[in-house]
Amino acid sequence: MTGAAKGLCGTNGAPPWVKLSVTAVVEKKGRVVIPSTVRKQLGIKAGMELKIDVKSGGIVMRPKRKVSAKDLLGVAGKERVDLHEIEESLDSD
């Protein structure tokens, strides 16, 4: 058999539906460095806030979206929309 064996977890140990799989180490104070390949892929910059969710025994981290009222202008058409409701729905992911 030549080349890397490919099974349920693909050739890099990750399930085939995972686009990128990396390993990071938790430091003394609970800090985890996000590898540069992941930061570049997601556009994560220094000082950016991340939303952290615990789901199904794992940790899901994603960039926290910041949407201004200007970004939402015209989204609802002529309907009256409460800005507070929009902000709550964006924070509920």
C-alpha atoms as a PDB file:
ATOM      1  CA  MET A   1       0.000   0.000   0.000  1.00  0.00           C
ATOM      2  CA  THR A   2       1.545   3.332  -1.032  1.00  0.00           C
ATOM      3  CA  GLY A   3       0.742   6.835   0.218  1.00  0.00           C
ATOM      4  CA  ALA A   4      -1.177   7.748   3.361  1.00  0.00           C
ATOM      5  CA  ALA A   5      -4.037   5.530   4.438  1.00  0.00           C
ATOM      6  CA  LYS A   6      -7.376   7.277   4.129  1.00  0.00           C
ATOM      7  CA  GLY A   7     -10.274   6.225   6.310  1.00  0.00           C
ATOM      8  CA  LEU A   8     -13.174   7.831   8.168  1.00  0.00           C
ATOM      9  CA  CYS A   9     -10.824  10.448   9.561  1.00  0.00           C
ATOM     10  CA  GLY A  10      -9.068  11.282   6.291  1.00  0.00           C
ATOM     11  CA  THR A  11      -5.296  11.536   6.043  1.00  0.00           C
ATOM     12  CA  ASN A  12      -4.752  14.188   8.735  1.00  0.00           C
ATOM     13  CA  GLY A  13      -6.775  12.583  11.547  1.00  0.00           C
ATOM     14  CA  ALA A  14      -9.758  14.889  11.027  1.00  0.00           C
ATOM     15  CA  PRO A  15     -13.198  13.842   9.758  1.00  0.00           C
ATOM     16  CA  PRO A  16     -13.480  14.389   5.975  1.00  0.00           C
ATOM     17  CA  TRP A  17     -15.975  17.266   6.391  1.00  0.00           C
ATOM     18  CA  VAL A  18     -13.471  19.310   8.456  1.00  0.00           C
ATOM     19  CA  LYS A  19     -11.638  21.776   6.195  1.00  0.00           C
ATOM     20  CA  LEU A  20      -8.751  22.407   8.595  1.00  0.00           C
ATOM     21  CA  SER A  21      -7.709  20.537  11.706  1.00  0.00           C
ATOM     22  CA  VAL A  22      -4.912  21.724  14.002  1.00  0.00           C
ATOM     23  CA  THR A  23      -3.734  21.020  17.524  1.00  0.00           C
ATOM     24  CA  ALA A  24      -3.080  23.681  20.159  1.00  0.00           C
ATOM     25  CA  VAL A  25      -1.757  23.428  23.719  1.00  0.00           C
ATOM     26  CA  VAL A  26      -3.455  24.941  26.774  1.00  0.00           C
ATOM     27  CA  GLU A  27      -0.911  26.984  28.744  1.00  0.00           C
ATOM     28  CA  LYS A  28      -0.736  27.491  32.537  1.00  0.00           C
ATOM     29  CA  LYS A  29      -3.315  30.283  32.738  1.00  0.00           C
ATOM     30  CA  GLY A  30      -5.692  28.558  30.312  1.00  0.00           C
ATOM     31  CA  ARG A  31      -4.380  30.441  27.292  1.00  0.00           C
ATOM     32  CA  VAL A  32      -4.564  28.814  23.888  1.00  0.00           C
ATOM     33  CA  VAL A  33      -2.703  30.207  20.884  1.00  0.00           C
ATOM     34  CA  ILE A  34      -4.782  30.015  17.721  1.00  0.00           C
ATOM     35  CA  PRO A  35      -2.406  28.893  14.947  1.00  0.00           C
ATOM     36  CA  SER A  36      -1.696  31.470  12.231  1.00  0.00           C
ATOM     37  CA  THR A  37      -3.245  29.258   9.531  1.00  0.00           C
ATOM     38  CA  VAL A  38      -6.577  29.372  11.389  1.00  0.00           C
ATOM     39  CA  ARG A  39      -6.306  33.112  12.150  1.00  0.00           C
ATOM     40  CA  LYS A  40      -5.616  33.868   8.480  1.00  0.00           C
ATOM     41  CA  GLN A  41      -8.451  31.637   7.234  1.00  0.00           C
ATOM     42  CA  LEU A  42     -10.983  33.322   9.554  1.00  0.00           C
ATOM     43  CA  GLY A  43      -9.565  36.848   9.401  1.00  0.00           C
ATOM     44  CA  ILE A  44      -8.900  36.918  13.150  1.00  0.00           C
ATOM     45  CA  LYS A  45      -6.757  39.904  14.182  1.00  0.00           C
ATOM     46  CA  ALA A  46      -5.195  40.909  17.523  1.00  0.00           C
ATOM     47  CA  GLY A  47      -7.795  42.427  19.847  1.00  0.00           C
ATOM     48  CA  MET A  48     -10.743  40.849  18.016  1.00  0.00           C
ATOM     49  CA  GLU A  49     -13.450  39.321  20.242  1.00  0.00           C
ATOM     50  CA  LEU A  50     -14.328  35.642  19.880  1.00  0.00           C
ATOM     51  CA  LYS A  51     -17.603  34.015  20.888  1.00  0.00           C
ATOM     52  CA  ILE A  52     -16.992  30.754  22.770  1.00  0.00           C
ATOM     53  CA  ASP A  53     -19.680  28.062  22.991  1.00  0.00           C
ATOM     54  CA  VAL A  54     -19.509  24.667  24.677  1.00  0.00           C
ATOM     55  CA  LYS A  55     -21.425  22.128  22.562  1.00  0.00           C
ATOM     56  CA  SER A  56     -21.513  18.335  22.569  1.00  0.00           C
ATOM     57  CA  GLY A  57     -18.444  18.042  24.779  1.00  0.00           C
ATOM     58  CA  GLY A  58     -16.372  20.414  22.647  1.00  0.00           C
ATOM     59  CA  ILE A  59     -15.480  24.080  22.356  1.00  0.00           C
ATOM     60  CA  VAL A  60     -16.632  26.169  19.398  1.00  0.00           C
ATOM     61  CA  MET A  61     -14.916  29.525  18.919  1.00  0.00           C
ATOM     62  CA  ARG A  62     -15.874  31.988  16.207  1.00  0.00           C
ATOM     63  CA  PRO A  63     -15.277  35.672  15.534  1.00  0.00           C
ATOM     64  CA  LYS A  64     -17.942  37.799  17.212  1.00  0.00           C
ATOM     65  CA  ARG A  65     -19.878  39.663  14.561  1.00  0.00           C
ATOM     66  CA  LYS A  66     -20.148  43.394  14.896  1.00  0.00           C
ATOM     67  CA  VAL A  67     -22.949  44.847  12.825  1.00  0.00           C
ATOM     68  CA  SER A  68     -23.761  48.535  12.734  1.00  0.00           C
ATOM     69  CA  ALA A  69     -27.184  50.035  12.077  1.00  0.00           C
ATOM     70  CA  LYS A  70     -25.781  51.302   8.757  1.00  0.00           C
ATOM     71  CA  ASP A  71     -25.023  47.695   7.724  1.00  0.00           C
ATOM     72  CA  LEU A  72     -28.685  46.830   8.303  1.00  0.00           C
ATOM     73  CA  LEU A  73     -30.179  49.807   6.472  1.00  0.00           C
ATOM     74  CA  GLY A  74     -32.847  48.551   4.083  1.00  0.00           C
ATOM     75  CA  VAL A  75     -32.653  44.906   5.170  1.00  0.00           C
ATOM     76  CA  ALA A  76     -36.242  44.852   6.439  1.00  0.00           C
ATOM     77  CA  GLY A  77     -37.685  46.949   3.619  1.00  0.00           C
ATOM     78  CA  LYS A  78     -40.399  49.335   4.784  1.00  0.00           C
ATOM     79  CA  GLU A  79     -41.257  47.255   7.866  1.00  0.00           C
ATOM     80  CA  ARG A  80     -40.670  48.800  11.301  1.00  0.00           C
ATOM     81  CA  VAL A  81     -37.990  46.852  13.099  1.00  0.00           C
ATOM     82  CA  ASP A  82     -36.769  47.353  16.648  1.00  0.00           C
ATOM     83  CA  LEU A  83     -32.957  47.629  16.677  1.00  0.00           C
ATOM     84  CA  HIS A  84     -32.892  45.857  20.077  1.00  0.00           C
ATOM     85  CA  GLU A  85     -34.605  42.800  18.526  1.00  0.00           C
ATOM     86  CA  ILE A  86     -32.020  42.700  15.730  1.00  0.00           C
ATOM     87  CA  GLU A  87     -29.119  42.916  18.185  1.00  0.00           C
ATOM     88  CA  GLU A  88     -30.580  40.096  20.294  1.00  0.00           C
ATOM     89  CA  SER A  89     -31.019  37.840  17.274  1.00  0.00           C
ATOM     90  CA  LEU A  90     -27.409  38.452  16.190  1.00  0.00           C
ATOM     91  CA  ASP A  91     -26.126  37.532  19.659  1.00  0.00           C
ATOM     92  CA  SER A  92     -28.186  34.325  19.825  1.00  0.00           C
ATOM     93  CA  ASP A  93     -25.994  32.172  17.538  1.00  0.00           C
END
